[in-house]
């Protein structure tokens, strides 16, 4: 019996030893490098491959300053007699400059960077990692995505980076951020993807960001976020910081969006986004419960416009759009990204829940119509609108300005000059002029005519974010 017991114990010890050999403990996994090759493991090969395609972007613009010599000329009464220049000394010119980064995406010298890096620039230069410098032309500016496309004035071919499939990026993937932080020179930082599809960042109209803990600092804007194959997964754009330095929360625009803007530059230098012709809203917990959903997801259709691609496809009010071409939609921002990066002329498939049944709808991708014509006018007459650029409102203009809603009539303010009367009154780009002195404003021509015969009192009905407010001014 003793022999049997010993045999059993020996077998148990053998089994335990085998299990320990097959599944090493965490302590066993913490091993020092065993040879020179392991000691030399490095990201250097990736950096050598990518760094020549990451450039420094220097933008400059000329600014005219006027020093006011008397505070009385802030009063419109005095300015009516002495003109817009009255009360100021001779104009003085100075040059403002900004510094950022960019990524060469093709051998011909096409560079993609952030819009805010070169906004209002008169001259743009790029410096390569080998210290060569070139002037660059601005090919495309797209403020809504905070992206811009440049073209280097120089003979190629230039080292460039290929786009990756940013939709395949996963939390935990290792990434490198390359740029020129604080102007110290090209710098590489390493981290992981902390999150994907961040939609509450508030930097651009199309919010769908990659979050990373790779250090991103001022000057990194427009630089490259690359994966371990040396492909471009994102354009570094913003940081969350209370100090101005990196706190380990950085955001990059996905490569999918950057590729969309780059293709637009190749096809005429203008971004054309598809028009759905419908409005959607977020699905909260209460709506999800009412729709018998297991969790909040998708976007709820709240309006469908007559003659739109949405109506033609059969989309209806109260439909729940849960996916675009098989990619999940979680809120209006992710829906806007998925739909807004589709190419004109193609079709896309919506996955829709209607009465608890799943449907597939094919949406034609075409641009928003410009009906009526925009008839752009810059208003310079003495009035509350002095310094404002206005357009007739149409689906195309509404899409360009990022306006929500389905009422496409009236006049919209497209731009307001800084320091102008319109600016001081508080008018903003995107405001819709509904009425002036109780007269409905239907066209830009009508508004311009009214400004040429100013009354003693101005009563303005202005719509902003769907709400109409009244402004009363005396001259």
Protein backbone atom coordinates (compact mmCIF):
# COMPACT_ATOMS: atom_id res chain seq x y z
CA UNK A 1 0.00 0.00 0.00
CA UNK A 2 2.90 2.30 0.82
CA UNK A 3 4.37 1.60 -2.62
CA UNK A 4 1.08 2.52 -4.31
CA UNK A 5 0.89 5.78 -2.36
CA UNK A 6 4.45 6.70 -3.32
CA UNK A 7 3.74 5.93 -6.96
CA UNK A 8 0.67 8.18 -6.86
CA UNK A 9 2.56 11.06 -5.29
CA UNK A 10 5.33 10.71 -7.84
CA UNK A 11 2.79 10.94 -10.65
CA UNK A 12 1.22 14.05 -9.12
CA UNK A 13 4.61 15.74 -8.79
CA UNK A 14 5.38 14.89 -12.40
CA UNK A 15 2.07 16.42 -13.59
CA UNK A 16 2.62 19.62 -11.58
CA UNK A 17 6.14 19.99 -12.93
CA UNK A 18 4.88 19.52 -16.49
CA UNK A 19 2.18 22.16 -15.99
CA UNK A 20 4.70 24.61 -14.59
CA UNK A 21 6.95 23.98 -17.59
CA UNK A 22 4.10 24.54 -20.07
CA UNK A 23 2.77 27.72 -18.37
CA UNK A 24 5.64 29.75 -16.86
CA UNK A 25 4.83 32.06 -13.96
CA UNK A 26 4.95 35.87 -14.37
CA UNK A 27 8.28 35.85 -12.56
CA UNK A 28 9.69 33.46 -15.18
CA UNK A 29 8.55 35.79 -17.97
CA UNK A 30 10.57 38.74 -16.62
CA UNK A 31 13.81 37.75 -18.27
CA UNK A 32 16.85 39.86 -19.06
CA UNK A 33 17.94 39.99 -22.73
CA UNK A 34 19.71 36.78 -23.64
CA UNK A 35 21.85 38.07 -26.52
CA UNK A 36 23.02 41.22 -28.31
CA UNK A 37 20.19 41.08 -30.84
CA UNK A 38 17.57 41.24 -28.06
CA UNK A 39 19.39 44.11 -26.37
CA UNK A 40 19.32 46.10 -29.61
CA UNK A 41 15.55 45.79 -30.19
CA UNK A 42 14.44 49.31 -31.21
CA UNK A 43 11.90 51.46 -33.06
CA UNK A 44 14.79 52.97 -35.03
CA UNK A 45 14.01 51.11 -38.32
CA UNK A 46 10.46 52.52 -38.31
CA UNK A 47 11.72 56.03 -37.54
CA UNK A 48 14.32 55.85 -40.33
CA UNK A 49 11.55 54.86 -42.72
CA UNK A 50 9.06 57.55 -41.72
CA UNK A 51 11.11 60.53 -40.48
CA UNK A 52 12.19 61.78 -43.96
CA UNK A 53 8.50 62.20 -44.85
CA UNK A 54 7.67 64.35 -41.79
CA UNK A 55 8.34 68.05 -42.36
CA UNK A 56 8.36 71.27 -40.37
CA UNK A 57 5.78 73.78 -41.62
CA UNK A 58 6.48 77.50 -41.27
CA UNK A 59 3.56 79.82 -42.02
CA UNK A 60 3.63 83.62 -42.02
CA UNK A 61 1.09 86.32 -42.63
CA UNK A 62 1.21 90.10 -42.81
CA UNK A 63 -1.01 91.95 -40.35
CA UNK A 64 -1.85 95.64 -40.62
CA UNK A 65 -2.22 97.39 -37.28
CA UNK A 66 -3.68 100.78 -36.58
CA UNK A 67 -3.29 102.54 -33.25
CA UNK A 68 -6.36 104.45 -32.14
CA UNK A 69 -5.48 108.02 -31.10
CA UNK A 70 -8.87 108.93 -29.63
CA UNK A 71 -11.49 106.78 -27.88
CA UNK A 72 -14.25 109.02 -29.23
CA UNK A 73 -13.99 107.30 -32.60
CA UNK A 74 -15.49 104.14 -31.13
CA UNK A 75 -18.77 106.05 -31.25
CA UNK A 76 -20.62 105.46 -34.57
CA UNK A 77 -21.71 109.13 -34.53
CA UNK A 78 -18.12 110.37 -34.93
CA UNK A 79 -17.27 107.66 -37.46
CA UNK A 80 -20.15 108.80 -39.70
CA UNK A 81 -18.43 112.19 -40.08
CA UNK A 82 -14.76 111.16 -40.11
CA UNK A 83 -15.04 107.83 -41.93
CA UNK A 84 -13.79 104.38 -41.05
CA UNK A 85 -10.14 105.54 -40.87
CA UNK A 86 -10.81 108.50 -38.60
CA UNK A 87 -9.15 108.49 -35.19
CA UNK A 88 -6.29 106.16 -36.17
CA UNK A 89 -2.67 106.85 -37.00
CA UNK A 90 -0.95 105.55 -40.14
CA UNK A 91 -1.25 101.77 -40.68
CA UNK A 92 1.74 99.70 -39.57
CA UNK A 93 2.54 96.26 -40.89
CA UNK A 94 4.00 93.35 -38.97
CA UNK A 95 4.51 89.68 -39.74
CA UNK A 96 2.98 86.93 -37.63
CA UNK A 97 4.40 83.43 -37.90
CA UNK A 98 3.32 79.97 -36.78
CA UNK A 99 5.10 76.66 -36.59
CA UNK A 100 3.72 73.17 -37.05
CA UNK A 101 4.39 69.87 -38.74
CA UNK A 102 3.24 68.08 -41.87
CA UNK A 103 3.45 64.72 -43.61
CA UNK A 104 4.47 64.07 -47.23
CA UNK A 105 1.94 61.59 -48.62
CA UNK A 106 3.12 61.26 -52.22
CA UNK A 107 6.38 61.38 -54.16
CA UNK A 108 5.36 64.59 -55.96
CA UNK A 109 5.59 66.55 -52.70
CA UNK A 110 1.97 66.62 -51.56
CA UNK A 111 1.86 67.45 -47.85
CA UNK A 112 -1.03 67.14 -45.44
CA UNK A 113 -1.13 69.24 -42.27
CA UNK A 114 -3.63 70.95 -39.97
CA UNK A 115 -5.72 73.86 -41.15
CA UNK A 116 -4.99 75.82 -37.99
CA UNK A 117 -1.23 75.61 -38.68
CA UNK A 118 -1.48 77.66 -41.90
CA UNK A 119 -4.73 79.56 -41.38
CA UNK A 120 -4.64 82.98 -43.10
CA UNK A 121 -1.02 82.42 -44.16
CA UNK A 122 0.48 84.52 -46.97
CA UNK A 123 3.62 82.39 -47.26
CA UNK A 124 4.31 78.76 -46.36
CA UNK A 125 7.68 77.01 -46.23
CA UNK A 126 8.48 73.41 -45.36
CA UNK A 127 11.74 72.06 -44.00
CA UNK A 128 12.69 68.43 -44.53
CA UNK A 129 14.51 66.27 -42.00
CA UNK A 130 17.70 66.63 -44.09
CA UNK A 131 17.45 70.44 -43.54
CA UNK A 132 16.45 71.30 -47.11
CA UNK A 133 13.78 74.00 -47.28
CA UNK A 134 11.16 74.68 -49.95
CA UNK A 135 8.32 77.11 -50.54
CA UNK A 136 4.92 75.44 -50.68
CA UNK A 137 1.59 76.28 -52.31
CA UNK A 138 -1.70 75.89 -50.47
CA UNK A 139 -3.82 73.49 -52.53
CA UNK A 140 -6.79 73.00 -50.23
CA UNK A 141 -8.06 74.31 -46.91
CA UNK A 142 -10.84 72.54 -45.04
CA UNK A 143 -11.57 74.20 -41.72
CA UNK A 144 -14.37 71.76 -40.87
CA UNK A 145 -11.91 68.85 -40.62
CA UNK A 146 -8.97 71.06 -39.55
CA UNK A 147 -6.95 69.68 -42.47
CA UNK A 148 -5.02 71.34 -45.28
CA UNK A 149 -3.10 70.11 -48.32
CA UNK A 150 0.15 71.73 -49.53
CA UNK A 151 2.33 71.16 -52.59
CA UNK A 152 6.10 71.53 -52.30
CA UNK A 153 7.72 73.72 -54.97
CA UNK A 154 10.64 71.49 -55.77
CA UNK A 155 11.74 68.56 -57.85
CA UNK A 156 10.94 65.13 -56.47
CA UNK A 157 10.70 62.40 -55.84
CA UNK A 158 10.19 63.02 -52.13
CA UNK A 159 10.15 60.43 -49.38
CA UNK A 160 6.55 59.77 -48.40
CA UNK A 161 4.35 57.75 -46.07
CA UNK A 162 1.56 55.38 -47.11
CA UNK A 163 -1.88 55.55 -45.48
CA UNK A 164 -2.93 52.75 -43.12
CA UNK A 165 -6.48 51.51 -42.55
CA UNK A 166 -7.27 53.57 -39.46
CA UNK A 167 -10.54 51.66 -38.98
CA UNK A 168 -8.52 48.54 -38.12
CA UNK A 169 -6.65 50.33 -35.31
CA UNK A 170 -7.31 48.87 -31.86
CA UNK A 171 -6.90 50.10 -28.32
CA UNK A 172 -3.50 48.96 -27.07
CA UNK A 173 -1.73 49.14 -30.45
CA UNK A 174 1.71 50.77 -30.25
CA UNK A 175 2.11 54.03 -32.18
CA UNK A 176 4.80 56.67 -32.75
CA UNK A 177 4.17 60.42 -32.95
CA UNK A 178 6.63 62.39 -35.08
CA UNK A 179 6.73 66.18 -35.34
CA UNK A 180 8.45 69.38 -34.26
CA UNK A 181 7.28 70.22 -30.71
CA UNK A 182 8.11 73.72 -29.44
CA UNK A 183 10.33 74.22 -32.49
CA UNK A 184 13.17 72.16 -30.99
CA UNK A 185 13.50 70.00 -34.10
CA UNK A 186 12.10 66.69 -35.27
CA UNK A 187 11.13 64.57 -32.28
CA UNK A 188 9.74 61.04 -31.91
CA UNK A 189 7.57 59.88 -29.01
CA UNK A 190 6.09 56.45 -28.41
CA UNK A 191 2.86 55.30 -26.81
CA UNK A 192 -0.25 53.25 -27.33
CA UNK A 193 -3.70 53.89 -28.75
CA UNK A 194 -5.69 54.84 -25.65
CA UNK A 195 -9.07 54.99 -27.41
CA UNK A 196 -10.62 55.15 -30.86
CA UNK A 197 -13.68 57.00 -32.14
CA UNK A 198 -13.50 59.82 -29.58
CA UNK A 199 -16.44 62.08 -30.46
CA UNK A 200 -16.58 64.65 -27.65
CA UNK A 201 -13.31 66.49 -28.27
CA UNK A 202 -14.81 69.63 -29.83
CA UNK A 203 -11.92 70.48 -32.18
CA UNK A 204 -13.57 70.02 -35.59
CA UNK A 205 -17.04 69.61 -37.08
CA UNK A 206 -16.26 65.96 -37.85
CA UNK A 207 -15.35 64.55 -34.45
CA UNK A 208 -13.93 61.04 -34.62
CA UNK A 209 -10.47 61.04 -33.10
CA UNK A 210 -7.75 58.57 -32.21
CA UNK A 211 -6.61 59.12 -28.62
CA UNK A 212 -3.02 58.29 -27.70
CA UNK A 213 -0.68 58.70 -24.75
CA UNK A 214 2.30 59.31 -27.05
CA UNK A 215 3.54 62.77 -26.04
CA UNK A 216 2.07 65.46 -28.34
CA UNK A 217 3.00 69.09 -27.69
CA UNK A 218 2.56 72.47 -29.40
CA UNK A 219 4.32 72.22 -32.76
CA UNK A 220 3.33 68.57 -33.23
CA UNK A 221 0.10 69.70 -34.94
CA UNK A 222 -0.03 68.28 -38.46
CA UNK A 223 2.61 65.65 -37.72
CA UNK A 224 2.43 61.91 -38.22
CA UNK A 225 1.00 59.21 -36.00
CA UNK A 226 2.29 55.92 -37.42
CA UNK A 227 1.86 52.23 -36.62
CA UNK A 228 4.51 49.56 -36.27
CA UNK A 229 4.63 49.01 -40.03
CA UNK A 230 5.54 52.67 -40.61
CA UNK A 231 2.19 53.58 -42.14
CA UNK A 232 0.20 56.73 -41.38
CA UNK A 233 -2.73 56.06 -39.03
CA UNK A 234 -3.47 59.67 -38.08
CA UNK A 235 -2.58 63.38 -38.18
CA UNK A 236 -1.70 64.72 -34.71
CA UNK A 237 -4.07 67.59 -33.98
CA UNK A 238 -4.83 68.43 -30.35
CA UNK A 239 -4.02 67.72 -26.72
CA UNK A 240 -5.94 67.86 -23.48
CA UNK A 241 -3.83 69.96 -21.15
CA UNK A 242 -4.19 72.46 -18.32
CA UNK A 243 -0.53 73.50 -18.50
CA UNK A 244 0.06 73.68 -22.26
CA UNK A 245 2.29 70.60 -22.17
CA UNK A 246 1.49 66.96 -22.80
CA UNK A 247 -0.53 65.19 -20.11
CA UNK A 248 -0.68 61.95 -22.04
CA UNK A 249 -4.01 62.69 -23.69
CA UNK A 250 -3.48 63.55 -27.35
CA UNK A 251 -5.80 63.34 -30.32
CA UNK A 252 -5.19 62.56 -33.99
CA UNK A 253 -7.45 62.80 -37.03
CA UNK A 254 -7.82 59.28 -38.50
CA UNK A 255 -5.97 58.50 -41.73
CA UNK A 256 -9.30 57.69 -43.37
CA UNK A 257 -10.37 61.33 -43.02
CA UNK A 258 -6.95 62.59 -44.16
CA UNK A 259 -7.10 60.37 -47.25
CA UNK A 260 -10.59 61.72 -48.07
CA UNK A 261 -9.33 65.33 -47.97
CA UNK A 262 -6.20 64.43 -49.98
CA UNK A 263 -8.37 62.83 -52.68
CA UNK A 264 -10.49 65.98 -52.81
CA UNK A 265 -7.31 67.99 -53.43
CA UNK A 266 -6.48 65.71 -56.36
CA UNK A 267 -9.98 66.09 -57.80
CA UNK A 268 -10.19 69.83 -58.13
CA UNK A 269 -9.07 71.26 -54.82
CA UNK A 270 -12.51 71.40 -53.19
CA UNK A 271 -14.02 69.11 -50.57
CA UNK A 272 -17.43 67.88 -51.66
CA UNK A 273 -19.30 65.91 -49.08
CA UNK A 274 -22.40 63.85 -49.80
CA UNK A 275 -25.80 65.26 -48.89
CA UNK A 276 -28.20 63.00 -47.02
CA UNK A 277 -31.15 65.34 -46.79
CA UNK A 278 -32.20 64.27 -43.31
CA UNK A 279 -31.54 65.25 -39.70
CA UNK A 280 -30.66 62.86 -36.90
CA UNK A 281 -30.36 63.01 -33.12
CA UNK A 282 -28.53 61.20 -30.37
CA UNK A 283 -30.10 58.16 -28.71
CA UNK A 284 -30.07 58.47 -24.91
CA UNK A 285 -31.08 55.89 -22.31
CA UNK A 286 -34.76 56.93 -22.36
CA UNK A 287 -35.02 56.69 -26.15
CA UNK A 288 -33.19 53.34 -26.11
CA UNK A 289 -35.69 51.98 -23.60
CA UNK A 290 -38.64 53.25 -25.65
CA UNK A 291 -37.20 51.49 -28.73
CA UNK A 292 -36.58 48.27 -26.74
CA UNK A 293 -32.82 48.50 -27.31
CA UNK A 294 -30.36 46.72 -25.04
CA UNK A 295 -28.24 49.91 -24.93
CA UNK A 296 -28.11 53.40 -26.49
CA UNK A 297 -26.74 53.12 -30.02
CA UNK A 298 -27.27 54.49 -33.51
CA UNK A 299 -28.91 57.78 -34.49
CA UNK A 300 -32.62 58.51 -34.68
CA UNK A 301 -33.96 60.12 -37.88
CA UNK A 302 -35.99 63.23 -36.96
CA UNK A 303 -36.67 64.74 -40.41
CA UNK A 304 -36.40 63.73 -44.08
CA UNK A 305 -36.38 66.45 -46.74
CA UNK A 306 -38.39 66.27 -49.92
CA UNK A 307 -36.40 65.26 -53.01
CA UNK A 308 -33.34 64.25 -50.99
CA UNK A 309 -31.28 61.06 -51.35
CA UNK A 310 -32.67 59.98 -47.96
CA UNK A 311 -36.27 60.24 -49.20
CA UNK A 312 -35.45 58.46 -52.47
CA UNK A 313 -33.84 55.59 -50.54
CA UNK A 314 -36.91 55.16 -48.36
CA UNK A 315 -35.50 56.50 -45.08
CA UNK A 316 -38.31 57.55 -42.72
CA UNK A 317 -38.73 59.60 -39.57
CA UNK A 318 -38.17 57.45 -36.43
CA UNK A 319 -35.85 55.05 -38.29
CA UNK A 320 -32.78 54.11 -36.26
CA UNK A 321 -29.55 54.07 -38.29
CA UNK A 322 -27.14 51.68 -36.54
CA UNK A 323 -24.43 51.20 -39.20
CA UNK A 324 -23.00 52.74 -42.38
CA UNK A 325 -21.45 50.18 -44.75
CA UNK A 326 -21.26 47.75 -41.85
CA UNK A 327 -19.41 50.19 -39.55
CA UNK A 328 -21.22 50.75 -36.26
CA UNK A 329 -22.72 54.17 -35.54
CA UNK A 330 -22.84 55.21 -31.89
CA UNK A 331 -23.88 58.88 -32.03
CA UNK A 332 -24.38 61.78 -34.50
CA UNK A 333 -20.65 62.54 -34.58
CA UNK A 334 -19.65 59.03 -35.57
CA UNK A 335 -22.51 58.98 -38.09
CA UNK A 336 -21.28 62.27 -39.59
CA UNK A 337 -17.77 60.86 -39.90
CA UNK A 338 -18.89 57.57 -41.49
CA UNK A 339 -21.23 59.25 -43.99
CA UNK A 340 -19.25 62.47 -44.54
CA UNK A 341 -16.12 60.65 -45.75
CA UNK A 342 -17.88 58.83 -48.58
CA UNK A 343 -17.03 59.79 -52.16
CA UNK A 344 -19.52 61.55 -54.42
CA UNK A 345 -20.91 59.36 -57.21
CA UNK A 346 -20.97 56.12 -55.26
CA UNK A 347 -23.58 54.53 -52.99
CA UNK A 348 -23.50 53.57 -49.33
CA UNK A 349 -25.58 51.11 -47.34
CA UNK A 350 -27.42 52.06 -44.15
CA UNK A 351 -28.39 49.41 -41.65
CA UNK A 352 -31.69 50.61 -40.20
CA UNK A 353 -33.98 49.37 -37.43
CA UNK A 354 -37.65 50.05 -38.14
CA UNK A 355 -40.34 48.56 -35.89
CA UNK A 356 -37.68 46.24 -34.42
CA UNK A 357 -36.87 44.88 -37.89
CA UNK A 358 -33.51 45.34 -39.59
CA UNK A 359 -33.49 46.87 -43.08
CA UNK A 360 -30.75 47.67 -45.61
CA UNK A 361 -31.13 50.94 -47.51
CA UNK A 362 -28.90 52.05 -50.41
CA UNK A 363 -28.19 55.81 -50.32
CA UNK A 364 -26.99 57.61 -53.45
CA UNK A 365 -23.99 59.86 -52.71
CA UNK A 366 -24.40 63.19 -54.43
CA UNK A 367 -23.61 66.80 -53.50
CA UNK A 368 -26.14 69.14 -51.97
CA UNK A 369 -27.97 71.30 -54.53
CA UNK A 370 -27.29 75.03 -54.65
CA UNK A 371 -30.85 76.23 -55.10
CA UNK A 372 -31.23 79.19 -54.95
CA UNK A 373 -27.79 80.40 -56.19
CA UNK A 374 -25.74 81.83 -53.29
CA UNK A 375 -25.23 85.33 -54.82
CA UNK A 376 -22.43 86.21 -52.36
CA UNK A 377 -22.25 89.87 -51.33
CA UNK A 378 -19.95 91.77 -48.99
CA UNK A 379 -21.84 94.53 -47.20
CA UNK A 380 -19.84 97.74 -46.73
CA UNK A 381 -22.54 100.37 -46.23
CA UNK A 382 -22.92 101.96 -42.79
CA UNK A 383 -25.27 99.54 -41.01
CA UNK A 384 -25.19 96.76 -38.41
CA UNK A 385 -24.11 94.45 -41.26
CA UNK A 386 -21.02 96.45 -42.27
CA UNK A 387 -18.16 93.93 -42.66
CA UNK A 388 -20.40 90.89 -43.14
CA UNK A 389 -20.34 88.58 -46.16
CA UNK A 390 -23.77 87.10 -46.87
CA UNK A 391 -25.18 84.34 -49.08
CA UNK A 392 -28.57 83.03 -50.09
CA UNK A 393 -29.24 79.92 -48.02
CA UNK A 394 -29.41 76.59 -49.87
CA UNK A 395 -28.64 72.95 -48.98
CA UNK A 396 -25.13 73.40 -50.45
CA UNK A 397 -24.40 76.54 -48.40
CA UNK A 398 -25.87 74.93 -45.26
CA UNK A 399 -23.58 71.91 -45.73
CA UNK A 400 -20.50 74.09 -46.25
CA UNK A 401 -21.20 76.11 -43.11
CA UNK A 402 -22.20 73.07 -41.05
CA UNK A 403 -25.73 74.33 -40.42
CA UNK A 404 -28.40 71.99 -39.10
CA UNK A 405 -32.09 72.05 -39.95
CA UNK A 406 -34.16 71.66 -43.07
CA UNK A 407 -35.30 75.22 -43.83
CA UNK A 408 -33.29 76.43 -46.82
CA UNK A 409 -34.50 79.97 -47.36
CA UNK A 410 -33.37 83.41 -46.30
CA UNK A 411 -29.90 84.93 -46.05
CA UNK A 412 -27.02 83.51 -44.03
CA UNK A 413 -23.90 85.30 -42.80
CA UNK A 414 -20.89 83.44 -44.20
CA UNK A 415 -18.12 85.59 -42.70
CA UNK A 416 -17.63 88.59 -40.42
CA UNK A 417 -14.54 90.82 -40.54
CA UNK A 418 -12.79 91.19 -37.23
CA UNK A 419 -13.33 94.67 -35.76
CA UNK A 420 -16.15 95.53 -38.18
CA UNK A 421 -19.55 96.92 -37.15
CA UNK A 422 -21.10 93.49 -37.67
CA UNK A 423 -18.46 92.00 -35.37
CA UNK A 424 -19.12 94.56 -32.63
CA UNK A 425 -22.87 94.07 -32.93
CA UNK A 426 -22.26 90.39 -32.22
CA UNK A 427 -23.13 88.84 -35.58
CA UNK A 428 -21.38 85.55 -36.38
CA UNK A 429 -20.80 83.29 -39.35
CA UNK A 430 -23.75 80.92 -39.55
CA UNK A 431 -26.33 83.44 -38.34
CA UNK A 432 -29.45 83.57 -40.51
CA UNK A 433 -31.01 86.99 -41.12
CA UNK A 434 -34.75 86.37 -40.92
CA UNK A 435 -36.04 89.96 -40.88
CA UNK A 436 -34.89 93.58 -40.73
CA UNK A 437 -37.33 96.17 -39.35
CA UNK A 438 -40.11 93.54 -39.63
CA UNK A 439 -39.47 93.01 -43.34
CA UNK A 440 -38.70 89.37 -44.19
CA UNK A 441 -35.28 89.01 -45.82
CA UNK A 442 -35.43 86.59 -48.74
CA UNK A 443 -32.31 87.41 -50.79
CA UNK A 444 -28.88 89.00 -50.41
CA UNK A 445 -29.92 91.69 -52.89
CA UNK A 446 -32.83 92.66 -50.65
CA UNK A 447 -30.58 92.92 -47.59
CA UNK A 448 -28.00 95.01 -49.47
CA UNK A 449 -30.71 97.42 -50.63
CA UNK A 450 -31.93 97.93 -47.06
CA UNK A 451 -28.42 98.77 -45.82
CA UNK A 452 -28.14 101.59 -48.37
CA UNK A 453 -31.03 103.53 -46.80
CA UNK A 454 -30.39 103.22 -43.04
CA UNK A 455 -33.28 104.03 -40.68
CA UNK A 456 -32.94 105.69 -37.26
CA UNK A 457 -33.64 102.39 -35.50
CA UNK A 458 -32.56 98.91 -36.60
CA UNK A 459 -34.60 95.89 -35.56
CA UNK A 460 -32.90 92.62 -36.54
CA UNK A 461 -34.40 89.13 -36.27
CA UNK A 462 -31.43 86.74 -36.22
CA UNK A 463 -31.63 82.93 -36.08
CA UNK A 464 -28.75 81.13 -34.37
CA UNK A 465 -28.70 77.41 -33.53
CA UNK A 466 -32.40 77.15 -34.35
CA UNK A 467 -33.46 80.02 -32.06
CA UNK A 468 -34.55 83.48 -33.25
CA UNK A 469 -33.50 86.49 -31.20
CA UNK A 470 -34.13 90.19 -31.73
CA UNK A 471 -31.48 92.93 -31.76
CA UNK A 472 -32.50 96.60 -31.57
CA UNK A 473 -29.96 99.34 -32.36
CA UNK A 474 -30.23 103.12 -32.65
CA UNK A 475 -28.04 105.17 -34.99
